[in-house]
Amino acid sequence: MVAINPRQIYGAWRRGYVLDNHTLRSEFLGYDQFGNPRFDTQRTEAGELLYRLKYRGNLAALEPLVETTTAFVRNWQVAFDAIIPVPPTRVRRFQPVFEITARLARALGLPFLKDFVQKVKNTEELKNVFDYTERCQLLENAHRVHDPSFQGKAVLLFDDLYRSGATLNAVTRALYDQAQCSDVYVLALTRTKARS
């Protein structure tokens, strides 16, 4: 099992957690011959596994992340009716947030609602937008829920990387306003450091 340091995160949701920070430290080393920045980065155990899975396609990192996330949710002692992934900004052949959420739902015996929330507005990747207000403006009306089947039910909203909470807040509001869920709980694997 992966060592984690869970922290509560606050937003439009009823209660939320992030399992650990993504990085412990990152030192800028300069630029490579192509002008790309280079860093010496030390990640937490969860951060390293997520990095390998998300950016290196290392599927061996998947099971330890799912096992650790499942154990945390079981100890949380909150009842959910389904698990919903945050719709990814970037289209990838392999979507880590979907894979982790699907396996987490299976382990907990809950429905995995992959397309329950759909992104209906193209936005740039938020990792390149550092102002929280600008992030929120980009996400305004970006998500839709067309399925009334979870009205009055509690759901767990899952994301792999948490930074400012802008995306999780936008999706949470869609779940409350459009799907009329009774409670939205949030869980993210790792928290990145926000640049100022």
Protein backbone atom coordinates (compact mmCIF):
# COMPACT_ATOMS: atom_id res chain seq x y z
CA MET A 1 0.00 0.00 0.00
CA VAL A 2 1.15 3.54 -0.81
CA ALA A 3 2.07 5.88 2.05
CA ILE A 4 -0.27 8.90 1.98
CA ASN A 5 -0.87 12.08 3.95
CA PRO A 6 -4.60 12.91 3.45
CA ARG A 7 -5.76 16.49 3.79
CA GLN A 8 -9.22 17.95 3.72
CA ILE A 9 -10.01 20.29 0.82
CA TYR A 10 -12.81 22.84 0.82
CA GLY A 11 -15.18 23.93 -1.91
CA ALA A 12 -18.78 23.68 -3.11
CA TRP A 13 -18.86 19.99 -2.16
CA ARG A 14 -20.06 18.58 1.17
CA ARG A 15 -16.65 17.15 2.12
CA GLY A 16 -13.48 16.45 0.21
CA TYR A 17 -9.98 15.08 0.56
CA VAL A 18 -6.75 14.90 -1.36
CA LEU A 19 -4.62 11.86 -0.50
CA ASP A 20 -1.20 13.54 -0.70
CA ASN A 21 0.88 16.27 -2.28
CA HIS A 22 2.20 15.54 -5.73
CA THR A 23 5.75 16.81 -5.22
CA LEU A 24 8.06 17.23 -2.25
CA ARG A 25 10.43 19.58 -4.06
CA SER A 26 11.28 20.69 -7.58
CA GLU A 27 14.45 22.54 -8.59
CA PHE A 28 14.82 24.29 -11.95
CA LEU A 29 17.98 23.05 -13.71
CA GLY A 30 17.88 25.13 -16.88
CA TYR A 31 16.84 24.40 -20.43
CA ASP A 32 17.63 21.46 -22.70
CA GLN A 33 18.89 21.82 -26.30
CA PHE A 34 15.27 22.24 -27.51
CA GLY A 35 14.48 25.09 -25.11
CA ASN A 36 12.37 22.94 -22.77
CA PRO A 37 12.71 23.60 -19.03
CA ARG A 38 14.33 20.82 -16.99
CA PHE A 39 13.67 20.14 -13.30
CA ASP A 40 15.05 17.90 -10.61
CA THR A 41 11.79 16.79 -8.99
CA GLN A 42 11.20 14.65 -5.96
CA ARG A 43 7.62 13.41 -5.69
CA THR A 44 5.65 11.77 -2.93
CA GLU A 45 5.06 8.04 -3.38
CA ALA A 46 1.53 8.66 -4.69
CA GLY A 47 2.79 11.54 -6.83
CA GLU A 48 5.49 9.38 -8.41
CA LEU A 49 3.03 6.59 -9.19
CA LEU A 50 0.53 9.02 -10.71
CA TYR A 51 3.30 10.66 -12.74
CA ARG A 52 4.41 7.28 -14.09
CA LEU A 53 0.84 6.32 -14.94
CA LYS A 54 -0.33 9.62 -16.42
CA TYR A 55 2.77 10.85 -18.22
CA ARG A 56 4.77 7.68 -18.85
CA GLY A 57 1.97 5.18 -19.47
CA ASN A 58 3.30 2.81 -16.80
CA LEU A 59 0.31 0.58 -16.04
CA ALA A 60 2.13 -1.07 -13.12
CA ALA A 61 1.39 2.13 -11.15
CA LEU A 62 -2.37 1.64 -11.49
CA GLU A 63 -3.02 -1.11 -8.94
CA PRO A 64 -1.16 0.47 -5.99
CA LEU A 65 -3.05 3.73 -6.57
CA VAL A 66 -6.41 1.95 -6.76
CA GLU A 67 -5.65 -0.19 -3.70
CA THR A 68 -4.67 2.86 -1.63
CA THR A 69 -7.66 4.92 -2.81
CA THR A 70 -10.06 2.05 -2.09
CA ALA A 71 -8.70 1.63 1.44
CA PHE A 72 -9.08 5.36 2.10
CA VAL A 73 -12.69 5.46 0.86
CA ARG A 74 -13.61 2.41 2.94
CA ASN A 75 -12.20 4.09 6.06
CA TRP A 76 -13.94 7.38 5.25
CA GLN A 77 -17.27 5.86 6.34
CA VAL A 78 -19.44 7.91 4.02
CA ALA A 79 -22.08 6.28 1.81
CA PHE A 80 -22.14 7.08 -1.92
CA ASP A 81 -24.57 5.87 -4.57
CA ALA A 82 -22.08 6.17 -7.45
CA ILE A 83 -18.61 7.38 -8.41
CA ILE A 84 -18.12 10.01 -11.11
CA PRO A 85 -14.79 10.98 -12.71
CA VAL A 86 -14.03 14.59 -13.54
CA PRO A 87 -14.12 14.89 -17.34
CA PRO A 88 -10.52 15.28 -18.53
CA THR A 89 -9.46 18.45 -20.33
CA ARG A 90 -7.15 16.68 -22.75
CA VAL A 91 -8.20 13.73 -24.89
CA ARG A 92 -5.83 10.81 -24.42
CA ARG A 93 -5.99 7.26 -25.70
CA PHE A 94 -5.57 6.15 -22.08
CA GLN A 95 -7.34 8.30 -19.46
CA PRO A 96 -5.89 7.63 -15.99
CA VAL A 97 -8.81 9.33 -14.23
CA PHE A 98 -11.26 6.97 -15.95
CA GLU A 99 -9.17 3.87 -15.28
CA ILE A 100 -8.68 4.63 -11.59
CA THR A 101 -12.34 5.60 -11.10
CA ALA A 102 -13.63 2.47 -12.87
CA ARG A 103 -11.47 0.18 -10.74
CA LEU A 104 -12.33 2.07 -7.55
CA ALA A 105 -16.05 1.74 -8.31
CA ARG A 106 -15.64 -1.97 -9.03
CA ALA A 107 -13.73 -2.53 -5.77
CA LEU A 108 -16.45 -0.71 -3.81
CA GLY A 109 -19.35 -2.34 -5.68
CA LEU A 110 -20.69 1.02 -6.91
CA PRO A 111 -21.78 2.28 -10.34
CA PHE A 112 -19.06 4.00 -12.38
CA LEU A 113 -20.71 6.91 -14.22
CA LYS A 114 -18.08 7.68 -16.83
CA ASP A 115 -20.17 10.01 -19.00
CA PHE A 116 -22.57 11.33 -16.36
CA VAL A 117 -20.91 14.76 -16.51
CA GLN A 118 -19.88 15.85 -19.97
CA LYS A 119 -17.61 18.66 -20.99
CA VAL A 120 -19.52 20.79 -23.50
CA LYS A 121 -17.14 23.72 -23.88
CA ASN A 122 -13.57 23.55 -25.11
CA THR A 123 -11.18 25.15 -22.66
CA GLU A 124 -7.43 25.38 -22.68
CA GLU A 125 -5.55 23.15 -20.26
CA LEU A 126 -5.90 24.81 -16.89
CA LYS A 127 -2.37 23.86 -15.84
CA ASN A 128 -1.30 26.81 -18.01
CA VAL A 129 -3.75 29.27 -16.39
CA PHE A 130 -2.50 30.50 -13.03
CA ASP A 131 -5.16 33.03 -12.03
CA TYR A 132 -8.01 31.37 -10.10
CA THR A 133 -10.63 33.85 -11.32
CA GLU A 134 -9.60 33.29 -14.92
CA ARG A 135 -9.77 29.51 -14.39
CA CYS A 136 -13.32 29.86 -13.04
CA GLN A 137 -14.35 32.04 -16.01
CA LEU A 138 -13.00 29.47 -18.47
CA LEU A 139 -15.01 26.74 -16.72
CA GLU A 140 -18.29 28.66 -16.59
CA ASN A 141 -21.00 26.57 -18.30
CA ALA A 142 -18.34 24.07 -19.40
CA HIS A 143 -20.09 20.97 -17.96
CA ARG A 144 -23.53 19.45 -18.48
CA VAL A 145 -25.51 16.67 -16.85
CA HIS A 146 -28.43 15.29 -18.86
CA ASP A 147 -29.27 12.34 -16.64
CA PRO A 148 -31.82 12.84 -13.82
CA SER A 149 -31.38 9.31 -12.43
CA PHE A 150 -29.23 10.37 -9.45
CA GLN A 151 -31.52 13.15 -8.23
CA GLY A 152 -31.49 13.13 -4.42
CA LYS A 153 -28.53 10.72 -4.25
CA ALA A 154 -24.99 11.09 -2.93
CA VAL A 155 -22.06 10.79 -5.32
CA LEU A 156 -18.30 10.71 -5.07
CA LEU A 157 -16.55 12.97 -7.59
CA PHE A 158 -13.02 11.76 -8.32
CA ASP A 159 -10.04 13.52 -9.89
CA ASP A 160 -6.41 12.52 -10.19
CA LEU A 161 -4.75 15.94 -9.80
CA TYR A 162 -6.03 18.81 -7.64
CA ARG A 163 -4.60 22.29 -7.90
CA SER A 164 -6.92 25.22 -7.21
CA GLY A 165 -10.24 23.41 -7.00
CA ALA A 166 -11.73 25.39 -9.91
CA THR A 167 -12.62 22.30 -11.97
CA LEU A 168 -13.95 20.34 -9.00
CA ASN A 169 -16.09 23.33 -7.96
CA ALA A 170 -17.48 23.73 -11.50
CA VAL A 171 -18.38 20.03 -11.78
CA THR A 172 -19.80 19.96 -8.24
CA ARG A 173 -22.11 22.87 -9.08
CA ALA A 174 -23.30 21.02 -12.20
CA LEU A 175 -24.04 17.94 -10.07
CA TYR A 176 -26.03 20.00 -7.56
CA ASP A 177 -27.80 22.31 -10.02
CA GLN A 178 -28.36 20.08 -13.05
CA ALA A 179 -28.41 16.54 -11.62
CA GLN A 180 -29.88 17.66 -8.27
CA CYS A 181 -27.67 15.26 -6.32
CA SER A 182 -28.25 15.45 -2.57
CA ASP A 183 -24.57 15.37 -1.64
CA VAL A 184 -21.35 15.62 -3.59
CA TYR A 185 -18.17 14.34 -1.97
CA VAL A 186 -14.79 14.91 -3.58
CA LEU A 187 -11.60 12.87 -3.63
CA ALA A 188 -8.36 13.62 -5.49
CA LEU A 189 -5.18 11.57 -5.55
CA THR A 190 -2.56 14.31 -5.35
CA ARG A 191 -2.36 18.06 -4.98
CA THR A 192 -0.03 20.08 -7.16
CA LYS A 193 1.58 23.26 -5.99
CA ALA A 194 -0.13 26.30 -7.43
CA ARG A 195 2.09 28.97 -8.94
CA SER A 196 1.45 32.53 -7.89
